[in-house]
Amino acid sequence: MKNYTIAEQFAVIALNAQDSLHESVAKNVAVAGIAAAKTVQTLLYEEENRDAAVFEQKLREQLDGIKKMKRKERNALEKEFTDILKAEGILKEIPNLLGCDMNYYTANVTMREYKSDSALYQYIIEKIRTCVLEQTELPEDIVILLWLFRESGCIHDIFSQEEQEKVRIKLIQAAEEKFLYKAILEQEFHSAVWLLGLKFMNWKHKIFTNPYLEGVNLMFPFLDRRQAIFIDMVIMGTSVKDRRSAAIAFLEKNGHTCEEIKNGTETIVKVDNEYYRIFPSARSFKIPIQGVELLPVYK
């Protein structure tokens, strides 16, 4: 497999399932993360910046500039990287999953999102998990990726709540061993407005580890990459398997890749690199409409 840069690896994970046509807090932070990755790569490549004090000063100055990026600059950087990844065949645009919600597809609303190559997406995640959970010392690129994922709110896509404590301990150890790591791990690259969005997303991830609270996601569909959606269908007289099969058929018809995954005693559905549960539900209009809710699975 080709060796991808830190910025490219981060982009593969962070841009997956992001709205490709519109701005969002999650995408703004992801693009800022790409800029931060490019900055760190450049500084580490320049030998004179291996001096920890010089490196820290330059990194802080450039990250301050990233926090102040204008929309035009973010859009240009997003286009630069998505064009590169598309040319490599590891990123494409597909219909946005939220466009499959009854309220959107009945209104003929066009929505698009990025989808990363599934094999590469899984490879990057498994590589990071192996390094953190099985190795004693973290390589330089993994430390940087963990920092980027932590600061952009993507860490939940890779590690469970319990595993995140191991990540925290490993990063503390890395910072104690190398001042260069300490200089990186102490930095932030998101603005105050984005920070509020990240805190909200982190709160969502924490409460959604309780499946009975996952429905809260319906109230805030635009702050996260994974949206809860409602698909109308006949519920009466159907089994769990029938409803799951009907939902998968509908999603695949609308351009999404689906796979059934056994998760203990339940079966969840992998949709475009993300995992979902399917529950019977109803929407209240002039008359109740039956269907199913597709709710994100958080680790």
C-alpha atoms as a PDB file:
ATOM      1  CA  MET A   1       0.000   0.000   0.000  1.00  0.00           C
ATOM      2  CA  LYS A   2       1.238   3.499  -0.830  1.00  0.00           C
ATOM      3  CA  ASN A   3       2.737   5.551   1.986  1.00  0.00           C
ATOM      4  CA  TYR A   4       0.488   8.539   2.573  1.00  0.00           C
ATOM      5  CA  THR A   5       1.551  11.712   4.371  1.00  0.00           C
ATOM      6  CA  ILE A   6       0.259  12.495   7.851  1.00  0.00           C
ATOM      7  CA  ALA A   7      -1.985  15.201   6.384  1.00  0.00           C
ATOM      8  CA  GLU A   8      -3.416  12.779   3.811  1.00  0.00           C
ATOM      9  CA  GLN A   9      -4.045  10.073   6.419  1.00  0.00           C
ATOM     10  CA  PHE A  10      -5.782  12.580   8.663  1.00  0.00           C
ATOM     11  CA  ALA A  11      -7.879  13.869   5.755  1.00  0.00           C
ATOM     12  CA  VAL A  12      -9.019  10.332   4.853  1.00  0.00           C
ATOM     13  CA  ILE A  13     -10.459   9.906   8.360  1.00  0.00           C
ATOM     14  CA  ALA A  14     -11.615  13.460   9.103  1.00  0.00           C
ATOM     15  CA  LEU A  15     -13.297  14.226   5.758  1.00  0.00           C
ATOM     16  CA  ASN A  16     -15.191  10.934   5.568  1.00  0.00           C
ATOM     17  CA  ALA A  17     -18.959  11.599   5.768  1.00  0.00           C
ATOM     18  CA  GLN A  18     -18.473  15.391   5.825  1.00  0.00           C
ATOM     19  CA  ASP A  19     -20.908  17.540   3.831  1.00  0.00           C
ATOM     20  CA  SER A  20     -19.095  18.291   0.567  1.00  0.00           C
ATOM     21  CA  LEU A  21     -21.290  21.237  -0.452  1.00  0.00           C
ATOM     22  CA  HIS A  22     -21.842  23.222   2.732  1.00  0.00           C
ATOM     23  CA  GLU A  23     -19.928  24.458   5.766  1.00  0.00           C
ATOM     24  CA  SER A  24     -20.269  22.859   9.190  1.00  0.00           C
ATOM     25  CA  VAL A  25     -18.423  23.070  12.498  1.00  0.00           C
ATOM     26  CA  ALA A  26     -17.152  19.515  12.068  1.00  0.00           C
ATOM     27  CA  LYS A  27     -15.786  20.199   8.567  1.00  0.00           C
ATOM     28  CA  ASN A  28     -14.215  23.522   9.557  1.00  0.00           C
ATOM     29  CA  VAL A  29     -12.304  21.776  12.328  1.00  0.00           C
ATOM     30  CA  ALA A  30     -11.305  18.952   9.965  1.00  0.00           C
ATOM     31  CA  VAL A  31      -9.898  21.442   7.438  1.00  0.00           C
ATOM     32  CA  ALA A  32      -8.058  23.264  10.227  1.00  0.00           C
ATOM     33  CA  GLY A  33      -6.624  19.877  11.209  1.00  0.00           C
ATOM     34  CA  ILE A  34      -5.356  19.352   7.654  1.00  0.00           C
ATOM     35  CA  ALA A  35      -3.661  22.760   7.809  1.00  0.00           C
ATOM     36  CA  ALA A  36      -2.138  21.861  11.188  1.00  0.00           C
ATOM     37  CA  ALA A  37      -0.882  18.539   9.810  1.00  0.00           C
ATOM     38  CA  LYS A  38       0.782  20.312   6.874  1.00  0.00           C
ATOM     39  CA  THR A  39       2.391  22.774   9.289  1.00  0.00           C
ATOM     40  CA  VAL A  40       3.824  20.075  11.552  1.00  0.00           C
ATOM     41  CA  GLN A  41       5.080  18.069   8.569  1.00  0.00           C
ATOM     42  CA  THR A  42       6.882  21.112   7.155  1.00  0.00           C
ATOM     43  CA  LEU A  43       8.444  22.118  10.471  1.00  0.00           C
ATOM     44  CA  LEU A  44       9.658  18.589  11.191  1.00  0.00           C
ATOM     45  CA  TYR A  45      11.161  18.343   7.706  1.00  0.00           C
ATOM     46  CA  GLU A  46      13.315  21.432   8.301  1.00  0.00           C
ATOM     47  CA  GLU A  47      16.339  20.253  10.295  1.00  0.00           C
ATOM     48  CA  GLU A  48      16.869  23.553  12.120  1.00  0.00           C
ATOM     49  CA  ASN A  49      13.414  23.175  13.643  1.00  0.00           C
ATOM     50  CA  ARG A  50      14.488  20.022  15.452  1.00  0.00           C
ATOM     51  CA  ASP A  51      15.592  22.451  18.143  1.00  0.00           C
ATOM     52  CA  ALA A  52      12.631  22.110  20.501  1.00  0.00           C
ATOM     53  CA  ALA A  53      12.387  25.778  21.480  1.00  0.00           C
ATOM     54  CA  VAL A  54      12.516  26.992  17.873  1.00  0.00           C
ATOM     55  CA  PHE A  55      10.026  24.324  16.807  1.00  0.00           C
ATOM     56  CA  GLU A  56       7.565  25.220  19.575  1.00  0.00           C
ATOM     57  CA  GLN A  57       7.684  28.937  18.791  1.00  0.00           C
ATOM     58  CA  LYS A  58       7.176  28.453  15.047  1.00  0.00           C
ATOM     59  CA  LEU A  59       4.423  25.896  15.600  1.00  0.00           C
ATOM     60  CA  ARG A  60       2.519  28.182  17.960  1.00  0.00           C
ATOM     61  CA  GLU A  61       2.788  31.121  15.560  1.00  0.00           C
ATOM     62  CA  GLN A  62       1.543  29.124  12.584  1.00  0.00           C
ATOM     63  CA  LEU A  63      -1.291  27.474  14.528  1.00  0.00           C
ATOM     64  CA  ASP A  64      -2.444  30.933  15.628  1.00  0.00           C
ATOM     65  CA  GLY A  65      -2.743  31.746  11.931  1.00  0.00           C
ATOM     66  CA  ILE A  66      -4.771  28.570  11.327  1.00  0.00           C
ATOM     67  CA  LYS A  67      -7.241  29.599  14.041  1.00  0.00           C
ATOM     68  CA  LYS A  68      -7.860  32.816  12.087  1.00  0.00           C
ATOM     69  CA  MET A  69      -8.340  31.179   8.678  1.00  0.00           C
ATOM     70  CA  LYS A  70     -11.041  32.836   6.578  1.00  0.00           C
ATOM     71  CA  ARG A  71     -13.742  30.893   4.757  1.00  0.00           C
ATOM     72  CA  LYS A  72     -12.023  31.482   1.407  1.00  0.00           C
ATOM     73  CA  GLU A  73      -8.765  29.995   2.745  1.00  0.00           C
ATOM     74  CA  ARG A  74     -10.553  26.984   4.231  1.00  0.00           C
ATOM     75  CA  ASN A  75     -12.420  26.339   0.993  1.00  0.00           C
ATOM     76  CA  ALA A  76      -9.185  26.550  -1.015  1.00  0.00           C
ATOM     77  CA  LEU A  77      -7.405  24.082   1.296  1.00  0.00           C
ATOM     78  CA  GLU A  78     -10.391  21.716   1.247  1.00  0.00           C
ATOM     79  CA  LYS A  79     -10.417  21.764  -2.566  1.00  0.00           C
ATOM     80  CA  GLU A  80      -6.645  21.248  -2.724  1.00  0.00           C
ATOM     81  CA  PHE A  81      -6.774  18.122  -0.581  1.00  0.00           C
ATOM     82  CA  THR A  82      -9.997  16.646  -1.902  1.00  0.00           C
ATOM     83  CA  ASP A  83      -8.665  17.032  -5.462  1.00  0.00           C
ATOM     84  CA  ILE A  84      -5.491  15.163  -4.441  1.00  0.00           C
ATOM     85  CA  LEU A  85      -7.404  12.364  -2.711  1.00  0.00           C
ATOM     86  CA  LYS A  86      -9.899  12.064  -5.572  1.00  0.00           C
ATOM     87  CA  ALA A  87      -7.047  11.810  -8.075  1.00  0.00           C
ATOM     88  CA  GLU A  88      -5.583   9.001  -5.945  1.00  0.00           C
ATOM     89  CA  GLY A  89      -8.956   7.239  -6.052  1.00  0.00           C
ATOM     90  CA  ILE A  90      -9.303   7.225  -2.256  1.00  0.00           C
ATOM     91  CA  LEU A  91     -12.048   9.842  -1.908  1.00  0.00           C
ATOM     92  CA  LYS A  92     -15.286  10.414  -3.775  1.00  0.00           C
ATOM     93  CA  GLU A  93     -18.549  12.293  -3.397  1.00  0.00           C
ATOM     94  CA  ILE A  94     -21.785  10.414  -2.809  1.00  0.00           C
ATOM     95  CA  PRO A  95     -25.340  11.424  -1.821  1.00  0.00           C
ATOM     96  CA  ASN A  96     -25.391  12.666   1.780  1.00  0.00           C
ATOM     97  CA  LEU A  97     -27.002  10.186   4.168  1.00  0.00           C
ATOM     98  CA  LEU A  98     -29.191  12.958   5.571  1.00  0.00           C
ATOM     99  CA  GLY A  99     -30.656  13.248   2.079  1.00  0.00           C
ATOM    100  CA  CYS A 100     -32.232   9.817   2.683  1.00  0.00           C
ATOM    101  CA  ASP A 101     -34.316  11.229   5.543  1.00  0.00           C
ATOM    102  CA  MET A 102     -37.985  11.442   4.585  1.00  0.00           C
ATOM    103  CA  ASN A 103     -38.088  15.225   5.145  1.00  0.00           C
ATOM    104  CA  TYR A 104     -35.291  15.747   2.623  1.00  0.00           C
ATOM    105  CA  TYR A 105     -35.830  13.221  -0.171  1.00  0.00           C
ATOM    106  CA  THR A 106     -39.547  14.072  -0.405  1.00  0.00           C
ATOM    107  CA  ALA A 107     -38.533  17.729  -0.872  1.00  0.00           C
ATOM    108  CA  ASN A 108     -35.966  16.826  -3.577  1.00  0.00           C
ATOM    109  CA  VAL A 109     -33.138  18.442  -1.594  1.00  0.00           C
ATOM    110  CA  THR A 110     -29.691  17.727  -3.094  1.00  0.00           C
ATOM    111  CA  MET A 111     -27.078  16.855  -0.484  1.00  0.00           C
ATOM    112  CA  ARG A 112     -23.600  15.401  -1.016  1.00  0.00           C
ATOM    113  CA  GLU A 113     -20.870  14.064   1.263  1.00  0.00           C
ATOM    114  CA  TYR A 114     -17.328  12.735   1.040  1.00  0.00           C
ATOM    115  CA  LYS A 115     -16.654   9.027   1.303  1.00  0.00           C
ATOM    116  CA  SER A 116     -13.137   7.695   1.884  1.00  0.00           C
ATOM    117  CA  ASP A 117     -11.931   4.405   0.435  1.00  0.00           C
ATOM    118  CA  SER A 118     -13.149   1.769   2.910  1.00  0.00           C
ATOM    119  CA  ALA A 119      -9.983  -0.362   2.802  1.00  0.00           C
ATOM    120  CA  LEU A 120      -7.649   2.588   3.421  1.00  0.00           C
ATOM    121  CA  TYR A 121      -9.962   4.066   6.060  1.00  0.00           C
ATOM    122  CA  GLN A 122      -9.944   0.778   7.983  1.00  0.00           C
ATOM    123  CA  TYR A 123      -6.190   0.295   7.486  1.00  0.00           C
ATOM    124  CA  ILE A 124      -5.358   3.683   9.025  1.00  0.00           C
ATOM    125  CA  ILE A 125      -7.660   3.110  11.995  1.00  0.00           C
ATOM    126  CA  GLU A 126      -6.321  -0.394  12.668  1.00  0.00           C
ATOM    127  CA  LYS A 127      -2.718   0.808  12.377  1.00  0.00           C
ATOM    128  CA  ILE A 128      -3.321   3.498  14.988  1.00  0.00           C
ATOM    129  CA  ARG A 129      -5.203   1.144  17.301  1.00  0.00           C
ATOM    130  CA  THR A 130      -2.436  -1.465  17.098  1.00  0.00           C
ATOM    131  CA  CYS A 131       0.262   1.088  17.923  1.00  0.00           C
ATOM    132  CA  VAL A 132      -1.631   2.451  20.921  1.00  0.00           C
ATOM    133  CA  LEU A 133      -3.064  -0.749  22.376  1.00  0.00           C
ATOM    134  CA  GLU A 134      -0.269  -3.231  21.625  1.00  0.00           C
ATOM    135  CA  GLN A 135       3.039  -1.366  21.310  1.00  0.00           C
ATOM    136  CA  THR A 136       5.024   0.141  24.188  1.00  0.00           C
ATOM    137  CA  GLU A 137       6.376   3.160  22.296  1.00  0.00           C
ATOM    138  CA  LEU A 138       4.456   5.388  19.881  1.00  0.00           C
ATOM    139  CA  PRO A 139       6.071   6.300  16.524  1.00  0.00           C
ATOM    140  CA  GLU A 140       6.292   9.996  15.648  1.00  0.00           C
ATOM    141  CA  ASP A 141       3.571   9.888  12.979  1.00  0.00           C
ATOM    142  CA  ILE A 142       1.138   8.161  15.362  1.00  0.00           C
ATOM    143  CA  VAL A 143       1.695  10.786  18.073  1.00  0.00           C
ATOM    144  CA  ILE A 144       0.914  13.525  15.559  1.00  0.00           C
ATOM    145  CA  LEU A 145      -2.166  11.727  14.223  1.00  0.00           C
ATOM    146  CA  LEU A 146      -3.485  11.171  17.757  1.00  0.00           C
ATOM    147  CA  TRP A 147      -3.028  14.871  18.475  1.00  0.00           C
ATOM    148  CA  LEU A 148      -4.892  15.786  15.284  1.00  0.00           C
ATOM    149  CA  PHE A 149      -7.736  13.365  16.029  1.00  0.00           C
ATOM    150  CA  ARG A 150      -7.972  14.549  19.631  1.00  0.00           C
ATOM    151  CA  GLU A 151      -8.157  18.212  18.645  1.00  0.00           C
ATOM    152  CA  SER A 152     -10.658  17.631  15.816  1.00  0.00           C
ATOM    153  CA  GLY A 153     -13.085  15.417  17.750  1.00  0.00           C
ATOM    154  CA  CYS A 154     -12.313  12.296  15.665  1.00  0.00           C
ATOM    155  CA  ILE A 155     -10.794  10.273  18.503  1.00  0.00           C
ATOM    156  CA  HIS A 156     -14.231   8.746  19.193  1.00  0.00           C
ATOM    157  CA  ASP A 157     -14.230   7.212  15.711  1.00  0.00           C
ATOM    158  CA  ILE A 158     -11.188   5.132  16.640  1.00  0.00           C
ATOM    159  CA  PHE A 159     -11.277   4.361  20.368  1.00  0.00           C
ATOM    160  CA  SER A 160     -13.980   3.479  22.885  1.00  0.00           C
ATOM    161  CA  GLN A 161     -14.392   5.520  26.072  1.00  0.00           C
ATOM    162  CA  GLU A 162     -12.305   2.989  28.011  1.00  0.00           C
ATOM    163  CA  GLU A 163      -9.579   2.899  25.352  1.00  0.00           C
ATOM    164  CA  GLN A 164      -9.331   6.682  25.326  1.00  0.00           C
ATOM    165  CA  GLU A 165      -7.887   6.515  28.839  1.00  0.00           C
ATOM    166  CA  LYS A 166      -5.060   4.350  27.444  1.00  0.00           C
ATOM    167  CA  VAL A 167      -4.550   6.912  24.687  1.00  0.00           C
ATOM    168  CA  ARG A 168      -4.299   9.684  27.284  1.00  0.00           C
ATOM    169  CA  ILE A 169      -1.703   7.743  29.301  1.00  0.00           C
ATOM    170  CA  LYS A 170       0.342   6.908  26.187  1.00  0.00           C
ATOM    171  CA  LEU A 171       0.396  10.565  25.118  1.00  0.00           C
ATOM    172  CA  ILE A 172       1.483  11.692  28.591  1.00  0.00           C
ATOM    173  CA  GLN A 173       4.335   9.180  28.447  1.00  0.00           C
ATOM    174  CA  ALA A 174       5.300  10.347  24.950  1.00  0.00           C
ATOM    175  CA  ALA A 175       5.355  13.992  26.077  1.00  0.00           C
ATOM    176  CA  GLU A 176       7.582  13.100  29.033  1.00  0.00           C
ATOM    177  CA  GLU A 177      10.043  11.248  26.811  1.00  0.00           C
ATOM    178  CA  LYS A 178      10.407  13.835  24.030  1.00  0.00           C
ATOM    179  CA  PHE A 179      10.092  17.598  24.353  1.00  0.00           C
ATOM    180  CA  LEU A 180       9.159  17.744  20.664  1.00  0.00           C
ATOM    181  CA  TYR A 181       6.056  15.656  21.385  1.00  0.00           C
ATOM    182  CA  LYS A 182       5.279  17.815  24.408  1.00  0.00           C
ATOM    183  CA  ALA A 183       5.455  20.934  22.233  1.00  0.00           C
ATOM    184  CA  ILE A 184       2.957  19.430  19.769  1.00  0.00           C
ATOM    185  CA  LEU A 185       0.541  17.907  22.283  1.00  0.00           C
ATOM    186  CA  GLU A 186       0.168  21.157  24.226  1.00  0.00           C
ATOM    187  CA  GLN A 187      -1.068  23.063  21.159  1.00  0.00           C
ATOM    188  CA  GLU A 188      -4.603  23.690  19.861  1.00  0.00           C
ATOM    189  CA  PHE A 189      -5.676  24.742  16.376  1.00  0.00           C
ATOM    190  CA  HIS A 190      -9.407  25.440  16.675  1.00  0.00           C
ATOM    191  CA  SER A 191     -11.126  28.780  17.296  1.00  0.00           C
ATOM    192  CA  ALA A 192     -13.376  29.553  20.262  1.00  0.00           C
ATOM    193  CA  VAL A 193     -16.503  29.081  18.121  1.00  0.00           C
ATOM    194  CA  TRP A 194     -15.309  25.706  16.845  1.00  0.00           C
ATOM    195  CA  LEU A 195     -14.361  24.721  20.405  1.00  0.00           C
ATOM    196  CA  LEU A 196     -17.985  25.108  21.489  1.00  0.00           C
ATOM    197  CA  GLY A 197     -19.030  22.823  18.644  1.00  0.00           C
ATOM    198  CA  LEU A 198     -16.353  20.278  19.562  1.00  0.00           C
ATOM    199  CA  LYS A 199     -17.410  20.292  23.210  1.00  0.00           C
ATOM    200  CA  PHE A 200     -20.977  19.650  22.129  1.00  0.00           C
ATOM    201  CA  MET A 201     -19.894  16.782  19.859  1.00  0.00           C
ATOM    202  CA  ASN A 202     -17.818  15.290  22.684  1.00  0.00           C
ATOM    203  CA  TRP A 203     -20.848  15.512  24.969  1.00  0.00           C
ATOM    204  CA  LYS A 204     -22.933  13.734  22.328  1.00  0.00           C
ATOM    205  CA  HIS A 205     -20.383  10.944  22.000  1.00  0.00           C
ATOM    206  CA  LYS A 206     -20.332  10.414  25.760  1.00  0.00           C
ATOM    207  CA  ILE A 207     -24.076  10.231  26.302  1.00  0.00           C
ATOM    208  CA  PHE A 208     -24.634   8.116  23.189  1.00  0.00           C
ATOM    209  CA  THR A 209     -22.622   5.257  24.680  1.00  0.00           C
ATOM    210  CA  ASN A 210     -26.001   4.679  26.348  1.00  0.00           C
ATOM    211  CA  PRO A 211     -28.170   3.466  23.412  1.00  0.00           C
ATOM    212  CA  TYR A 212     -31.332   4.736  25.095  1.00  0.00           C
ATOM    213  CA  LEU A 213     -30.080   8.306  24.681  1.00  0.00           C
ATOM    214  CA  GLU A 214     -29.031   8.051  21.042  1.00  0.00           C
ATOM    215  CA  GLY A 215     -32.239   9.708  19.871  1.00  0.00           C
ATOM    216  CA  VAL A 216     -30.938  13.071  21.125  1.00  0.00           C
ATOM    217  CA  ASN A 217     -28.915  13.085  17.909  1.00  0.00           C
ATOM    218  CA  LEU A 218     -32.138  13.787  16.016  1.00  0.00           C
ATOM    219  CA  MET A 219     -32.290  17.276  17.529  1.00  0.00           C
ATOM    220  CA  PHE A 220     -28.840  18.320  16.304  1.00  0.00           C
ATOM    221  CA  PRO A 221     -28.215  16.641  12.917  1.00  0.00           C
ATOM    222  CA  PHE A 222     -25.738  19.189  11.540  1.00  0.00           C
ATOM    223  CA  LEU A 223     -23.086  19.288  14.292  1.00  0.00           C
ATOM    224  CA  ASP A 224     -21.745  15.825  13.570  1.00  0.00           C
ATOM    225  CA  ARG A 225     -20.803  13.772  10.520  1.00  0.00           C
ATOM    226  CA  ARG A 226     -23.110  10.934  11.510  1.00  0.00           C
ATOM    227  CA  GLN A 227     -26.755  11.903  11.258  1.00  0.00           C
ATOM    228  CA  ALA A 228     -29.825  10.139  12.546  1.00  0.00           C
ATOM    229  CA  ILE A 229     -32.408   9.753   9.773  1.00  0.00           C
ATOM    230  CA  PHE A 230     -35.999   8.550   9.405  1.00  0.00           C
ATOM    231  CA  ILE A 231     -37.009   6.219   6.551  1.00  0.00           C
ATOM    232  CA  ASP A 232     -40.730   5.718   6.046  1.00  0.00           C
ATOM    233  CA  MET A 233     -41.883   2.127   5.523  1.00  0.00           C
ATOM    234  CA  VAL A 234     -44.600  -0.269   6.634  1.00  0.00           C
ATOM    235  CA  ILE A 235     -43.830  -1.569  10.137  1.00  0.00           C
ATOM    236  CA  MET A 236     -46.955  -3.573  10.925  1.00  0.00           C
ATOM    237  CA  GLY A 237     -46.386  -7.302  10.451  1.00  0.00           C
ATOM    238  CA  THR A 238     -42.639  -7.006   9.749  1.00  0.00           C
ATOM    239  CA  SER A 239     -39.720  -8.549  11.630  1.00  0.00           C
ATOM    240  CA  VAL A 240     -36.457  -6.893  12.681  1.00  0.00           C
ATOM    241  CA  LYS A 241     -34.726  -8.585   9.742  1.00  0.00           C
ATOM    242  CA  ASP A 242     -37.427  -7.417   7.300  1.00  0.00           C
ATOM    243  CA  ARG A 243     -37.039  -3.801   8.421  1.00  0.00           C
ATOM    244  CA  ARG A 244     -33.250  -3.974   8.290  1.00  0.00           C
ATOM    245  CA  SER A 245     -33.332  -5.466   4.776  1.00  0.00           C
ATOM    246  CA  ALA A 246     -35.794  -2.820   3.564  1.00  0.00           C
ATOM    247  CA  ALA A 247     -33.693   0.005   5.026  1.00  0.00           C
ATOM    248  CA  ILE A 248     -30.509  -1.383   3.452  1.00  0.00           C
ATOM    249  CA  ALA A 249     -32.217  -1.752   0.063  1.00  0.00           C
ATOM    250  CA  PHE A 250     -33.390   1.878   0.228  1.00  0.00           C
ATOM    251  CA  LEU A 251     -29.940   3.181   1.222  1.00  0.00           C
ATOM    252  CA  GLU A 252     -28.172   1.181  -1.497  1.00  0.00           C
ATOM    253  CA  LYS A 253     -30.667   2.442  -4.071  1.00  0.00           C
ATOM    254  CA  ASN A 254     -29.623   5.970  -3.054  1.00  0.00           C
ATOM    255  CA  GLY A 255     -25.905   5.361  -3.578  1.00  0.00           C
ATOM    256  CA  HIS A 256     -24.716   4.118  -0.176  1.00  0.00           C
ATOM    257  CA  THR A 257     -22.673   1.026   0.639  1.00  0.00           C
ATOM    258  CA  CYS A 258     -24.173  -1.110   3.422  1.00  0.00           C
ATOM    259  CA  GLU A 259     -22.993  -4.150   5.352  1.00  0.00           C
ATOM    260  CA  GLU A 260     -24.643  -6.048   8.201  1.00  0.00           C
ATOM    261  CA  ILE A 261     -22.317  -6.473  11.201  1.00  0.00           C
ATOM    262  CA  LYS A 262     -22.885  -8.762  14.183  1.00  0.00           C
ATOM    263  CA  ASN A 263     -22.319  -6.899  17.449  1.00  0.00           C
ATOM    264  CA  GLY A 264     -22.882  -9.407  20.242  1.00  0.00           C
ATOM    265  CA  THR A 265     -26.554 -10.308  20.258  1.00  0.00           C
ATOM    266  CA  GLU A 266     -27.583  -7.495  17.904  1.00  0.00           C
ATOM    267  CA  THR A 267     -26.947  -6.767  14.244  1.00  0.00           C
ATOM    268  CA  ILE A 268     -25.874  -3.250  13.323  1.00  0.00           C
ATOM    269  CA  VAL A 269     -25.410  -1.797   9.850  1.00  0.00           C
ATOM    270  CA  LYS A 270     -22.199  -0.317   8.474  1.00  0.00           C
ATOM    271  CA  VAL A 271     -23.082   2.530   6.115  1.00  0.00           C
ATOM    272  CA  ASP A 272     -20.194   4.214   4.262  1.00  0.00           C
ATOM    273  CA  ASN A 273     -17.562   3.495   6.973  1.00  0.00           C
ATOM    274  CA  GLU A 274     -19.875   4.401   9.898  1.00  0.00           C
ATOM    275  CA  TYR A 275     -22.059   2.187  12.098  1.00  0.00           C
ATOM    276  CA  TYR A 276     -25.801   2.500  12.799  1.00  0.00           C
ATOM    277  CA  ARG A 277     -28.637   0.843  14.689  1.00  0.00           C
ATOM    278  CA  ILE A 278     -32.120   0.549  13.179  1.00  0.00           C
ATOM    279  CA  PHE A 279     -35.204   1.052  15.353  1.00  0.00           C
ATOM    280  CA  PRO A 280     -38.922   1.039  14.438  1.00  0.00           C
ATOM    281  CA  SER A 281     -40.407   4.500  14.836  1.00  0.00           C
ATOM    282  CA  ALA A 282     -43.051   6.936  13.599  1.00  0.00           C
ATOM    283  CA  ARG A 283     -43.306  10.605  12.643  1.00  0.00           C
ATOM    284  CA  SER A 284     -46.346  12.666  13.550  1.00  0.00           C
ATOM    285  CA  PHE A 285     -47.793  14.791  10.780  1.00  0.00           C
ATOM    286  CA  LYS A 286     -51.512  15.123  10.012  1.00  0.00           C
ATOM    287  CA  ILE A 287     -51.439  11.362  10.313  1.00  0.00           C
ATOM    288  CA  PRO A 288     -48.700   9.237  11.937  1.00  0.00           C
ATOM    289  CA  ILE A 289     -46.199   7.816   9.433  1.00  0.00           C
ATOM    290  CA  GLN A 290     -44.484   4.533  10.244  1.00  0.00           C
ATOM    291  CA  GLY A 291     -40.843   3.858   9.527  1.00  0.00           C
ATOM    292  CA  VAL A 292     -37.434   3.235  11.057  1.00  0.00           C
ATOM    293  CA  GLU A 293     -34.824   5.477  12.650  1.00  0.00           C
ATOM    294  CA  LEU A 294     -31.208   4.997  11.628  1.00  0.00           C
ATOM    295  CA  LEU A 295     -29.172   6.019  14.679  1.00  0.00           C
ATOM    296  CA  PRO A 296     -25.358   6.302  14.901  1.00  0.00           C
ATOM    297  CA  VAL A 297     -23.485   3.783  17.034  1.00  0.00           C
ATOM    298  CA  TYR A 298     -20.901   5.471  19.258  1.00  0.00           C
ATOM    299  CA  LYS A 299     -18.122   3.514  20.926  1.00  0.00           C
END
